Structure formats: structure tokens, C-alpha cells
Amino acid sequence: MKAQERRQAILAFLKDQTEAVTANELASRYQVSRQVIVGDIALLRAHNKVEILATNQGYLIPALSAGENVASGYTGVIVCRHDNSQMRVELETILAHQGRILDVQIEHPVYGLLSAALHINNQADLEAFLERMKNFEGEMLASLTNGIHSHTISVPSLKEFDQIQQSLQNENILYV
């Protein structure tokens, strides 16, 4: 398979997926190295004007954009402030009210808006994310901004969004 054919096959494959796919999985599927896949994804983003997210679980083409209000739910942004010790509580609170955590963003004084795709949809995703943070000994992106950050979250309706905000405020996590 030629490089251009492989890239189109990767794009078609990712469009059909509802879960993130790792570079290693794509490399195995198309019998190339992980680095070739990383390059292919970069070229697909640049030449096809396609949004391909690199999440902590792999590559994903998103179904919703932040701020969209569609029949299947509501997507909005919350602003929070906490340290590492409250990260689990924050994310579990969102999940408990049927929320999906799409990303995390900070406003950096030099670089501007920095964003990382999370796509935490359930408790298993959360546990995998926390395990990766622990194994990597990673700091929260928000450690660069005194704990202040925002999350784009998707919920079934505005009612759940409001419940999440209230619950996070009760935990002294919502930044108001």
C-alpha cells in the first residue's frame, strides 16, 4: 500500500471509530512503524483539514465541538481550581452526573490557550487516565496556572450540566 492510500485508509478507519485508537494499533494494522503513523496523522491534519485529536488514549475524530447544543445533549465549559489531591474528586463528580470530560484547557501567560484532549467517558477511562498520570509521575496541566483550568464536558442535558456545577461548587472545586 502506498503512503497516500494508507493515509486515506487511516482517515476512513478513524472516522468509523467511536473509541480512540493508539498509534501502535494503527501501526500494526497498516504494517508500518509507530513513527510513520505519527507522521501520517500530522499530514492528514494539515492536508485534509480534518480534526484528529491526540488523546491520552490514542487518536480520535471528535463527534461534537465545544459549545454545540444538539438534540443528543449539551456541551459546555466549566472552570475549576484545585490541586492534584482533588483531581479524582473533580472528574468523578462530572462522571457521576452523566458527564463526559472532553478536554482540559489552561490560559498560559506566554503561550496562550493550551488544551489537551482527555475523552474520559466512564470510570474505566478515569482509572486508566489516573494510572497513566501516576506511572508517568505527571503533573496536572493546571499546575502551570495555580490550579485554574477549564474542562469541556458533554452531558445529556443542561440539567446535568447545572448539577455538575453545583456539585463542584459544593466541593470547593468550581472556580467562581
N, C-alpha and C. Protein backbone atom coordinates (compact mmCIF):
# COMPACT_ATOMS: atom_id res chain seq x y z
N MET A 1 0.85 -1.18 0.00
CA MET A 1 0.00 0.00 0.00
C MET A 1 0.90 1.24 0.00
N LYS A 2 0.59 2.18 -0.87
CA LYS A 2 1.36 3.41 -0.96
C LYS A 2 0.97 4.35 0.18
N ALA A 3 1.85 5.31 0.46
CA ALA A 3 1.66 6.21 1.59
C ALA A 3 0.32 6.94 1.53
N GLN A 4 -0.03 7.50 0.38
CA GLN A 4 -1.29 8.24 0.26
C GLN A 4 -2.49 7.32 0.46
N GLU A 5 -2.43 6.11 -0.06
CA GLU A 5 -3.52 5.14 0.14
C GLU A 5 -3.65 4.80 1.62
N ARG A 6 -2.51 4.61 2.29
CA ARG A 6 -2.52 4.29 3.72
C ARG A 6 -3.16 5.43 4.51
N ARG A 7 -2.80 6.66 4.19
CA ARG A 7 -3.36 7.81 4.91
C ARG A 7 -4.88 7.88 4.73
N GLN A 8 -5.35 7.64 3.54
CA GLN A 8 -6.80 7.66 3.31
C GLN A 8 -7.48 6.51 4.04
N ALA A 9 -6.82 5.36 4.10
CA ALA A 9 -7.36 4.22 4.85
C ALA A 9 -7.41 4.53 6.35
N ILE A 10 -6.36 5.17 6.86
CA ILE A 10 -6.33 5.56 8.27
C ILE A 10 -7.47 6.53 8.56
N LEU A 11 -7.65 7.52 7.70
CA LEU A 11 -8.71 8.51 7.88
C LEU A 11 -10.08 7.83 7.89
N ALA A 12 -10.33 6.95 6.94
CA ALA A 12 -11.61 6.24 6.88
C ALA A 12 -11.81 5.38 8.13
N PHE A 13 -10.75 4.71 8.57
CA PHE A 13 -10.83 3.87 9.76
C PHE A 13 -11.17 4.70 10.99
N LEU A 14 -10.46 5.82 11.18
CA LEU A 14 -10.71 6.67 12.35
C LEU A 14 -12.12 7.25 12.34
N LYS A 15 -12.63 7.59 11.18
CA LYS A 15 -13.99 8.14 11.09
C LYS A 15 -15.04 7.13 11.54
N ASP A 16 -14.74 5.84 11.41
CA ASP A 16 -15.68 4.79 11.80
C ASP A 16 -15.58 4.42 13.28
N GLN A 17 -14.58 4.93 13.98
CA GLN A 17 -14.35 4.52 15.37
C GLN A 17 -15.08 5.44 16.34
N THR A 18 -15.59 4.84 17.41
CA THR A 18 -16.20 5.62 18.48
C THR A 18 -15.27 5.75 19.68
N GLU A 19 -14.21 4.95 19.69
CA GLU A 19 -13.20 4.98 20.75
C GLU A 19 -11.86 5.38 20.13
N ALA A 20 -10.99 5.93 20.96
CA ALA A 20 -9.66 6.31 20.49
C ALA A 20 -8.86 5.08 20.07
N VAL A 21 -7.98 5.27 19.09
CA VAL A 21 -7.14 4.19 18.56
C VAL A 21 -5.68 4.63 18.71
N THR A 22 -4.86 3.79 19.32
CA THR A 22 -3.46 4.16 19.55
C THR A 22 -2.64 4.10 18.26
N ALA A 23 -1.54 4.83 18.27
CA ALA A 23 -0.61 4.80 17.13
C ALA A 23 -0.07 3.39 16.93
N ASN A 24 0.17 2.67 18.03
CA ASN A 24 0.66 1.30 17.92
C ASN A 24 -0.36 0.39 17.24
N GLU A 25 -1.65 0.57 17.56
CA GLU A 25 -2.69 -0.23 16.91
C GLU A 25 -2.73 0.06 15.41
N LEU A 26 -2.65 1.34 15.06
CA LEU A 26 -2.66 1.71 13.64
C LEU A 26 -1.41 1.18 12.93
N ALA A 27 -0.27 1.26 13.61
CA ALA A 27 0.98 0.76 13.02
C ALA A 27 0.87 -0.73 12.72
N SER A 28 0.31 -1.47 13.65
CA SER A 28 0.14 -2.91 13.46
C SER A 28 -0.84 -3.19 12.31
N ARG A 29 -1.92 -2.45 12.29
CA ARG A 29 -2.96 -2.65 11.28
C ARG A 29 -2.42 -2.38 9.86
N TYR A 30 -1.58 -1.35 9.73
CA TYR A 30 -1.10 -0.95 8.40
C TYR A 30 0.35 -1.36 8.15
N GLN A 31 0.91 -2.14 9.07
CA GLN A 31 2.24 -2.74 8.93
C GLN A 31 3.33 -1.71 8.65
N VAL A 32 3.32 -0.65 9.47
CA VAL A 32 4.36 0.37 9.44
C VAL A 32 4.75 0.68 10.88
N SER A 33 5.75 1.52 11.06
CA SER A 33 6.17 1.87 12.42
C SER A 33 5.23 2.90 13.03
N ARG A 34 5.30 3.01 14.35
CA ARG A 34 4.52 4.00 15.07
C ARG A 34 4.87 5.40 14.58
N GLN A 35 6.14 5.66 14.32
CA GLN A 35 6.57 6.98 13.86
C GLN A 35 5.99 7.32 12.50
N VAL A 36 5.83 6.34 11.64
CA VAL A 36 5.19 6.58 10.34
C VAL A 36 3.75 7.01 10.55
N ILE A 37 3.06 6.36 11.49
CA ILE A 37 1.67 6.73 11.80
C ILE A 37 1.60 8.16 12.32
N VAL A 38 2.50 8.52 13.23
CA VAL A 38 2.52 9.89 13.77
C VAL A 38 2.67 10.90 12.62
N GLY A 39 3.55 10.61 11.69
CA GLY A 39 3.73 11.47 10.53
C GLY A 39 2.50 11.51 9.64
N ASP A 40 1.88 10.35 9.43
CA ASP A 40 0.66 10.28 8.63
C ASP A 40 -0.45 11.14 9.24
N ILE A 41 -0.61 11.05 10.56
CA ILE A 41 -1.65 11.83 11.24
C ILE A 41 -1.37 13.32 11.06
N ALA A 42 -0.13 13.73 11.21
CA ALA A 42 0.23 15.14 11.03
C ALA A 42 -0.12 15.61 9.61
N LEU A 43 0.18 14.79 8.62
CA LEU A 43 -0.14 15.14 7.23
C LEU A 43 -1.65 15.16 6.99
N LEU A 44 -2.38 14.23 7.58
CA LEU A 44 -3.83 14.22 7.43
C LEU A 44 -4.43 15.50 8.01
N ARG A 45 -3.94 15.90 9.17
CA ARG A 45 -4.44 17.15 9.78
C ARG A 45 -4.16 18.34 8.87
N ALA A 46 -2.96 18.41 8.34
CA ALA A 46 -2.54 19.56 7.55
C ALA A 46 -3.22 19.62 6.18
N HIS A 47 -3.29 18.49 5.49
CA HIS A 47 -3.75 18.49 4.11
C HIS A 47 -5.25 18.27 3.96
N ASN A 48 -5.86 17.56 4.88
CA ASN A 48 -7.28 17.24 4.74
C ASN A 48 -8.17 18.12 5.59
N LYS A 49 -7.56 19.03 6.35
CA LYS A 49 -8.33 19.93 7.22
C LYS A 49 -9.28 19.14 8.12
N VAL A 50 -8.80 18.01 8.63
CA VAL A 50 -9.59 17.14 9.50
C VAL A 50 -9.09 17.29 10.93
N GLU A 51 -10.01 17.42 11.87
CA GLU A 51 -9.62 17.48 13.27
C GLU A 51 -9.43 16.05 13.78
N ILE A 52 -8.19 15.70 14.01
CA ILE A 52 -7.86 14.40 14.61
C ILE A 52 -7.22 14.72 15.95
N LEU A 53 -7.89 14.33 17.02
CA LEU A 53 -7.37 14.60 18.36
C LEU A 53 -6.39 13.52 18.77
N ALA A 54 -5.32 13.94 19.41
CA ALA A 54 -4.39 13.01 20.03
C ALA A 54 -4.73 13.01 21.52
N THR A 55 -5.52 12.04 21.95
CA THR A 55 -5.93 11.95 23.35
C THR A 55 -4.94 11.08 24.10
N ASN A 56 -5.13 11.01 25.42
CA ASN A 56 -4.26 10.15 26.22
C ASN A 56 -4.54 8.67 25.95
N GLN A 57 -5.58 8.38 25.17
CA GLN A 57 -5.93 7.00 24.85
C GLN A 57 -5.68 6.67 23.38
N GLY A 58 -5.24 7.65 22.60
CA GLY A 58 -5.00 7.43 21.19
C GLY A 58 -5.64 8.50 20.33
N TYR A 59 -5.74 8.24 19.04
CA TYR A 59 -6.30 9.20 18.09
C TYR A 59 -7.80 9.04 17.98
N LEU A 60 -8.48 10.19 17.80
CA LEU A 60 -9.93 10.20 17.74
C LEU A 60 -10.39 11.37 16.89
N ILE A 61 -11.39 11.14 16.06
CA ILE A 61 -12.05 12.23 15.34
C ILE A 61 -13.31 12.56 16.13
N PRO A 62 -13.39 13.78 16.69
CA PRO A 62 -14.50 14.11 17.59
C PRO A 62 -15.83 14.21 16.88
N ALA A 63 -16.88 13.86 17.62
CA ALA A 63 -18.24 13.96 17.09
C ALA A 63 -18.85 15.32 17.39
N LEU A 64 -18.47 15.92 18.52
CA LEU A 64 -19.02 17.21 18.94
C LEU A 64 -17.92 18.23 19.12
N SER A 65 -18.24 19.48 18.87
CA SER A 65 -17.32 20.56 19.16
C SER A 65 -17.82 21.30 20.40
N ALA A 66 -16.92 21.91 21.13
CA ALA A 66 -17.29 22.64 22.33
C ALA A 66 -18.34 23.70 22.01
N GLY A 67 -19.35 23.82 22.89
CA GLY A 67 -20.38 24.83 22.72
C GLY A 67 -21.57 24.37 21.90
N GLU A 68 -21.49 23.23 21.28
CA GLU A 68 -22.62 22.75 20.48
C GLU A 68 -23.76 22.33 21.39
N ASN A 69 -24.94 22.65 20.98
CA ASN A 69 -26.13 22.24 21.69
C ASN A 69 -26.96 21.46 20.67
N VAL A 70 -26.94 20.14 20.80
CA VAL A 70 -27.61 19.29 19.81
C VAL A 70 -28.67 18.44 20.50
N ALA A 71 -29.51 17.82 19.70
CA ALA A 71 -30.61 17.02 20.23
C ALA A 71 -30.12 15.93 21.17
N SER A 72 -28.93 15.42 20.95
CA SER A 72 -28.44 14.31 21.77
C SER A 72 -27.77 14.78 23.06
N GLY A 73 -27.74 16.08 23.32
CA GLY A 73 -27.14 16.53 24.56
C GLY A 73 -26.67 17.97 24.51
N TYR A 74 -25.92 18.31 25.54
CA TYR A 74 -25.40 19.66 25.70
C TYR A 74 -23.91 19.58 25.96
N THR A 75 -23.14 20.47 25.36
CA THR A 75 -21.70 20.55 25.58
C THR A 75 -21.38 21.95 26.07
N GLY A 76 -20.68 22.03 27.20
CA GLY A 76 -20.33 23.32 27.76
C GLY A 76 -18.98 23.28 28.45
N VAL A 77 -18.57 24.43 28.97
CA VAL A 77 -17.26 24.56 29.61
C VAL A 77 -17.44 24.97 31.06
N ILE A 78 -16.68 24.31 31.95
CA ILE A 78 -16.64 24.68 33.36
C ILE A 78 -15.22 25.11 33.71
N VAL A 79 -15.10 26.02 34.66
CA VAL A 79 -13.80 26.48 35.12
C VAL A 79 -13.62 26.00 36.56
N CYS A 80 -12.48 25.38 36.81
CA CYS A 80 -12.21 24.79 38.12
C CYS A 80 -10.86 25.25 38.66
N ARG A 81 -10.69 25.06 39.97
CA ARG A 81 -9.39 25.31 40.59
C ARG A 81 -9.20 24.30 41.71
N HIS A 82 -8.11 23.53 41.60
CA HIS A 82 -7.78 22.55 42.63
C HIS A 82 -6.35 22.08 42.42
N ASP A 83 -5.87 21.28 43.37
CA ASP A 83 -4.53 20.70 43.23
C ASP A 83 -4.67 19.22 42.88
N ASN A 84 -3.53 18.53 42.79
CA ASN A 84 -3.53 17.10 42.42
C ASN A 84 -4.42 16.27 43.33
N SER A 85 -4.48 16.61 44.60
CA SER A 85 -5.23 15.79 45.55
C SER A 85 -6.74 15.78 45.28
N GLN A 86 -7.25 16.77 44.55
CA GLN A 86 -8.69 16.84 44.27
C GLN A 86 -9.05 16.44 42.83
N MET A 87 -8.06 16.02 42.06
CA MET A 87 -8.33 15.69 40.65
C MET A 87 -9.35 14.55 40.53
N ARG A 88 -9.18 13.48 41.29
CA ARG A 88 -10.12 12.35 41.23
C ARG A 88 -11.53 12.80 41.58
N VAL A 89 -11.66 13.57 42.66
CA VAL A 89 -12.98 14.04 43.10
C VAL A 89 -13.65 14.86 41.99
N GLU A 90 -12.89 15.75 41.38
CA GLU A 90 -13.43 16.59 40.30
C GLU A 90 -13.96 15.72 39.15
N LEU A 91 -13.14 14.82 38.67
CA LEU A 91 -13.52 14.02 37.50
C LEU A 91 -14.64 13.02 37.83
N GLU A 92 -14.59 12.42 39.02
CA GLU A 92 -15.67 11.50 39.42
C GLU A 92 -16.99 12.24 39.59
N THR A 93 -16.95 13.48 40.05
CA THR A 93 -18.16 14.28 40.20
C THR A 93 -18.81 14.51 38.83
N ILE A 94 -17.99 14.81 37.85
CA ILE A 94 -18.52 15.03 36.50
C ILE A 94 -19.13 13.73 35.96
N LEU A 95 -18.43 12.62 36.12
CA LEU A 95 -18.94 11.33 35.64
C LEU A 95 -20.22 10.93 36.36
N ALA A 96 -20.31 11.24 37.66
CA ALA A 96 -21.48 10.85 38.46
C ALA A 96 -22.77 11.50 37.95
N HIS A 97 -22.64 12.62 37.26
CA HIS A 97 -23.81 13.32 36.71
C HIS A 97 -23.90 13.13 35.19
N GLN A 98 -23.42 11.98 34.72
CA GLN A 98 -23.50 11.59 33.31
C GLN A 98 -22.69 12.49 32.38
N GLY A 99 -21.67 13.14 32.94
CA GLY A 99 -20.81 13.99 32.13
C GLY A 99 -19.68 13.20 31.49
N ARG A 100 -19.24 13.67 30.35
CA ARG A 100 -18.04 13.14 29.68
C ARG A 100 -17.05 14.29 29.62
N ILE A 101 -15.81 14.04 30.04
CA ILE A 101 -14.79 15.07 30.06
C ILE A 101 -14.04 15.02 28.74
N LEU A 102 -14.23 16.03 27.90
CA LEU A 102 -13.64 16.02 26.57
C LEU A 102 -12.21 16.52 26.56
N ASP A 103 -11.92 17.56 27.36
CA ASP A 103 -10.58 18.12 27.35
C ASP A 103 -10.29 18.88 28.63
N VAL A 104 -9.07 19.37 28.73
CA VAL A 104 -8.66 20.29 29.78
C VAL A 104 -7.93 21.43 29.08
N GLN A 105 -8.15 22.66 29.57
CA GLN A 105 -7.51 23.83 28.97
C GLN A 105 -6.98 24.74 30.06
N ILE A 106 -5.88 25.40 29.77
CA ILE A 106 -5.37 26.46 30.65
C ILE A 106 -5.05 27.67 29.79
N GLU A 107 -5.04 28.83 30.41
CA GLU A 107 -4.62 30.06 29.75
C GLU A 107 -3.23 30.38 30.25
N HIS A 108 -2.23 30.09 29.43
CA HIS A 108 -0.83 30.29 29.81
C HIS A 108 -0.43 31.74 29.50
N PRO A 109 0.32 32.39 30.39
CA PRO A 109 0.66 33.80 30.17
C PRO A 109 1.54 34.05 28.94
N VAL A 110 2.28 33.07 28.50
CA VAL A 110 3.15 33.23 27.34
C VAL A 110 2.56 32.57 26.10
N TYR A 111 2.13 31.31 26.23
CA TYR A 111 1.68 30.53 25.08
C TYR A 111 0.21 30.72 24.74
N GLY A 112 -0.55 31.34 25.61
CA GLY A 112 -1.98 31.49 25.37
C GLY A 112 -2.73 30.23 25.78
N LEU A 113 -3.80 29.92 25.06
CA LEU A 113 -4.63 28.77 25.40
C LEU A 113 -3.93 27.46 25.06
N LEU A 114 -3.73 26.62 26.07
CA LEU A 114 -3.18 25.28 25.88
C LEU A 114 -4.28 24.29 26.20
N SER A 115 -4.44 23.29 25.36
CA SER A 115 -5.52 22.32 25.51
C SER A 115 -4.99 20.91 25.32
N ALA A 116 -5.53 19.99 26.10
CA ALA A 116 -5.20 18.57 25.94
C ALA A 116 -6.51 17.79 25.91
N ALA A 117 -6.67 16.95 24.90
CA ALA A 117 -7.86 16.11 24.79
C ALA A 117 -7.79 15.02 25.85
N LEU A 118 -8.90 14.79 26.55
CA LEU A 118 -8.97 13.75 27.57
C LEU A 118 -9.90 12.61 27.17
N HIS A 119 -11.11 12.94 26.76
CA HIS A 119 -12.14 11.96 26.39
C HIS A 119 -12.28 10.88 27.45
N ILE A 120 -12.60 11.33 28.66
CA ILE A 120 -12.89 10.42 29.77
C ILE A 120 -14.41 10.28 29.81
N ASN A 121 -14.89 9.10 29.43
CA ASN A 121 -16.33 8.87 29.28
C ASN A 121 -16.95 8.03 30.39
N ASN A 122 -16.12 7.36 31.17
CA ASN A 122 -16.64 6.47 32.21
C ASN A 122 -15.56 6.20 33.25
N GLN A 123 -15.91 5.43 34.27
CA GLN A 123 -14.98 5.16 35.37
C GLN A 123 -13.73 4.42 34.89
N ALA A 124 -13.89 3.51 33.94
CA ALA A 124 -12.73 2.77 33.42
C ALA A 124 -11.75 3.72 32.73
N ASP A 125 -12.27 4.68 31.95
CA ASP A 125 -11.40 5.68 31.32
C ASP A 125 -10.68 6.51 32.38
N LEU A 126 -11.42 6.87 33.44
CA LEU A 126 -10.82 7.66 34.51
C LEU A 126 -9.70 6.90 35.19
N GLU A 127 -9.95 5.64 35.53
CA GLU A 127 -8.91 4.83 36.20
C GLU A 127 -7.68 4.69 35.31
N ALA A 128 -7.88 4.50 34.02
CA ALA A 128 -6.74 4.38 33.09
C ALA A 128 -5.96 5.69 33.03
N PHE A 129 -6.67 6.81 33.00
CA PHE A 129 -6.01 8.12 32.98
C PHE A 129 -5.21 8.35 34.25
N LEU A 130 -5.82 8.07 35.41
CA LEU A 130 -5.13 8.28 36.68
C LEU A 130 -3.92 7.36 36.81
N GLU A 131 -4.03 6.15 36.29
CA GLU A 131 -2.90 5.22 36.33
C GLU A 131 -1.75 5.74 35.46
N ARG A 132 -2.08 6.28 34.29
CA ARG A 132 -1.03 6.84 33.43
C ARG A 132 -0.37 8.05 34.09
N MET A 133 -1.16 8.89 34.74
CA MET A 133 -0.60 10.04 35.45
C MET A 133 0.34 9.57 36.55
N LYS A 134 -0.07 8.54 37.28
CA LYS A 134 0.75 8.01 38.37
C LYS A 134 2.04 7.39 37.83
N ASN A 135 1.94 6.57 36.82
CA ASN A 135 3.12 5.90 36.25
C ASN A 135 4.09 6.88 35.61
N PHE A 136 3.55 7.92 35.02
CA PHE A 136 4.37 8.93 34.37
C PHE A 136 4.91 9.94 35.39
N GLU A 137 4.33 9.90 36.58
CA GLU A 137 4.62 10.90 37.61
C GLU A 137 4.32 12.30 37.08
N GLY A 138 3.20 12.38 36.36
CA GLY A 138 2.83 13.62 35.69
C GLY A 138 2.18 14.63 36.61
N GLU A 139 2.39 15.87 36.26
CA GLU A 139 1.72 16.98 36.91
C GLU A 139 0.51 17.37 36.07
N MET A 140 -0.49 17.90 36.74
CA MET A 140 -1.64 18.41 36.01
C MET A 140 -1.20 19.59 35.14
N LEU A 141 -1.82 19.74 33.99
CA LEU A 141 -1.57 20.90 33.15
C LEU A 141 -1.83 22.18 33.95
N ALA A 142 -2.82 22.11 34.82
CA ALA A 142 -3.20 23.27 35.63
C ALA A 142 -2.15 23.65 36.67
N SER A 143 -1.14 22.82 36.87
CA SER A 143 -0.08 23.19 37.81
C SER A 143 0.68 24.43 37.30
N LEU A 144 0.54 24.73 36.02
CA LEU A 144 1.17 25.91 35.43
C LEU A 144 0.40 27.20 35.73
N THR A 145 -0.84 27.05 36.20
CA THR A 145 -1.71 28.22 36.41
C THR A 145 -2.34 28.22 37.80
N ASN A 146 -1.59 27.79 38.80
CA ASN A 146 -2.11 27.75 40.17
C ASN A 146 -3.39 26.94 40.30
N GLY A 147 -3.54 25.91 39.49
CA GLY A 147 -4.68 25.02 39.58
C GLY A 147 -5.90 25.46 38.79
N ILE A 148 -5.87 26.64 38.20
CA ILE A 148 -7.03 27.13 37.43
C ILE A 148 -6.99 26.52 36.03
N HIS A 149 -8.12 25.93 35.65
CA HIS A 149 -8.23 25.28 34.34
C HIS A 149 -9.70 25.15 33.98
N SER A 150 -9.96 24.78 32.74
CA SER A 150 -11.35 24.54 32.33
C SER A 150 -11.44 23.17 31.67
N HIS A 151 -12.65 22.64 31.68
CA HIS A 151 -12.95 21.38 31.01
C HIS A 151 -14.13 21.60 30.09
N THR A 152 -14.06 21.07 28.89
CA THR A 152 -15.23 20.97 28.04
C THR A 152 -15.88 19.65 28.39
N ILE A 153 -17.16 19.71 28.76
CA ILE A 153 -17.87 18.49 29.14
C ILE A 153 -19.15 18.35 28.31
N SER A 154 -19.50 17.12 28.06
CA SER A 154 -20.71 16.79 27.32
C SER A 154 -21.65 16.05 28.25
N VAL A 155 -22.91 16.46 28.27
CA VAL A 155 -23.91 15.86 29.16
C VAL A 155 -25.22 15.66 28.37
N PRO A 156 -26.12 14.82 28.91
CA PRO A 156 -27.39 14.61 28.21
C PRO A 156 -28.23 15.88 28.06
N SER A 157 -28.18 16.77 29.08
CA SER A 157 -28.98 17.99 29.01
C SER A 157 -28.37 19.07 29.90
N LEU A 158 -28.90 20.26 29.79
CA LEU A 158 -28.44 21.38 30.61
C LEU A 158 -28.66 21.09 32.10
N LYS A 159 -29.67 20.29 32.42
CA LYS A 159 -29.94 19.93 33.82
C LYS A 159 -28.71 19.27 34.45
N GLU A 160 -28.12 18.29 33.78
CA GLU A 160 -26.94 17.62 34.32
C GLU A 160 -25.75 18.57 34.39
N PHE A 161 -25.63 19.46 33.42
CA PHE A 161 -24.56 20.45 33.43
C PHE A 161 -24.66 21.32 34.69
N ASP A 162 -25.87 21.78 34.99
CA ASP A 162 -26.09 22.59 36.19
C ASP A 162 -25.80 21.79 37.46
N GLN A 163 -26.19 20.51 37.48
CA GLN A 163 -25.91 19.66 38.64
C GLN A 163 -24.41 19.48 38.85
N ILE A 164 -23.67 19.34 37.78
CA ILE A 164 -22.21 19.21 37.88
C ILE A 164 -21.62 20.48 38.48
N GLN A 165 -22.06 21.63 37.98
CA GLN A 165 -21.54 22.89 38.51
C GLN A 165 -21.84 23.02 40.01
N GLN A 166 -23.06 22.68 40.40
CA GLN A 166 -23.44 22.79 41.82
C GLN A 166 -22.62 21.83 42.67
N SER A 167 -22.45 20.61 42.22
CA SER A 167 -21.67 19.62 42.98
C SER A 167 -20.21 20.04 43.10
N LEU A 168 -19.64 20.56 42.03
CA LEU A 168 -18.25 21.02 42.08
C LEU A 168 -18.10 22.24 42.98
N GLN A 169 -19.12 23.08 43.00
CA GLN A 169 -19.09 24.23 43.92
C GLN A 169 -19.15 23.75 45.36
N ASN A 170 -19.97 22.73 45.63
CA ASN A 170 -20.05 22.16 46.98
C ASN A 170 -18.72 21.57 47.43
N GLU A 171 -17.92 21.09 46.48
CA GLU A 171 -16.60 20.51 46.77
C GLU A 171 -15.50 21.58 46.78
N ASN A 172 -15.89 22.85 46.60
CA ASN A 172 -14.93 23.96 46.52
C ASN A 172 -13.93 23.77 45.38
N ILE A 173 -14.41 23.21 44.28
CA ILE A 173 -13.57 22.98 43.10
C ILE A 173 -13.94 23.95 41.98
N LEU A 174 -15.24 24.26 41.85
CA LEU A 174 -15.67 25.19 40.80
C LEU A 174 -15.07 26.56 41.07
N TYR A 175 -14.48 27.16 40.06
CA TYR A 175 -13.86 28.48 40.19
C TYR A 175 -14.90 29.52 39.82
N VAL A 176 -15.28 30.32 40.80
CA VAL A 176 -16.31 31.35 40.57
C VAL A 176 -15.82 32.72 40.97
